[in-house]
């Protein structure tokens, strides 16, 4: 109840990041997970920074024009 609503998506991002890092330990092809981990780590860090500075961070939604 005391957890901030604007931080809920960060819990999911951190869980996804942890899961990918775990899978990376057993993957022979590092190039498969490295870009995903980098992107998740950047998005997570931006969210944490936004919470610390008080600037709201809204995750960018992928639209039909994105590849």
Protein backbone atom coordinates (compact mmCIF):
# COMPACT_ATOMS: atom_id res chain seq x y z
CA UNK A 1 0.00 0.00 0.00
CA UNK A 2 2.95 2.33 0.65
CA UNK A 3 4.75 1.52 -2.60
CA UNK A 4 4.59 4.41 -5.09
CA UNK A 5 2.46 3.71 -8.15
CA UNK A 6 4.98 5.40 -10.46
CA UNK A 7 7.62 2.85 -9.40
CA UNK A 8 5.60 -0.30 -10.09
CA UNK A 9 6.93 -0.71 -13.63
CA UNK A 10 10.47 -0.65 -12.21
CA UNK A 11 9.77 -3.83 -10.27
CA UNK A 12 8.91 -5.59 -13.51
CA UNK A 13 11.95 -4.15 -15.30
CA UNK A 14 14.27 -5.28 -12.51
CA UNK A 15 12.75 -8.77 -12.50
CA UNK A 16 13.19 -9.03 -16.28
CA UNK A 17 16.76 -7.80 -16.01
CA UNK A 18 17.58 -10.33 -13.29
CA UNK A 19 15.99 -13.16 -15.30
CA UNK A 20 17.97 -12.28 -18.44
CA UNK A 21 21.21 -12.02 -16.48
CA UNK A 22 20.52 -15.47 -15.03
CA UNK A 23 19.80 -16.95 -18.48
CA UNK A 24 22.99 -15.33 -19.80
CA UNK A 25 24.99 -17.53 -17.40
CA UNK A 26 23.86 -20.61 -19.33
CA UNK A 27 23.84 -19.20 -22.85
CA UNK A 28 26.68 -19.88 -25.23
CA UNK A 29 25.67 -17.05 -27.56
CA UNK A 30 26.24 -13.93 -25.45
CA UNK A 31 25.12 -11.68 -28.30
CA UNK A 32 21.59 -12.99 -27.90
CA UNK A 33 20.93 -11.45 -24.47
CA UNK A 34 23.45 -8.60 -24.25
CA UNK A 35 21.41 -6.01 -26.20
CA UNK A 36 18.25 -6.83 -24.23
CA UNK A 37 20.10 -6.55 -20.93
CA UNK A 38 21.63 -3.24 -21.95
CA UNK A 39 18.25 -1.78 -22.94
CA UNK A 40 16.52 -2.99 -19.77
CA UNK A 41 19.37 -1.71 -17.60
CA UNK A 42 19.20 1.74 -19.24
CA UNK A 43 15.42 1.96 -18.87
CA UNK A 44 15.63 0.82 -15.24
CA UNK A 45 18.33 3.37 -14.43
CA UNK A 46 16.30 6.15 -16.07
CA UNK A 47 13.29 5.18 -13.98
CA UNK A 48 15.30 5.14 -10.75
CA UNK A 49 16.81 8.52 -11.59
CA UNK A 50 13.35 9.91 -12.30
CA UNK A 51 12.12 8.73 -8.91
CA UNK A 52 15.12 10.23 -7.15
CA UNK A 53 14.83 13.59 -8.88
CA UNK A 54 11.06 13.75 -8.68
CA UNK A 55 10.70 13.99 -12.44
CA UNK A 56 8.08 11.56 -13.60
CA UNK A 57 9.30 9.05 -16.12
CA UNK A 58 6.86 7.46 -18.51
CA UNK A 59 8.18 4.39 -20.31
CA UNK A 60 8.20 4.87 -24.07
CA UNK A 61 5.50 2.78 -25.67
CA UNK A 62 6.32 1.06 -28.91
CA UNK A 63 4.05 2.15 -31.72
CA UNK A 64 3.41 0.79 -35.20
CA UNK A 65 6.18 2.95 -36.68
CA UNK A 66 8.90 1.40 -34.49
CA UNK A 67 10.92 -1.47 -35.88
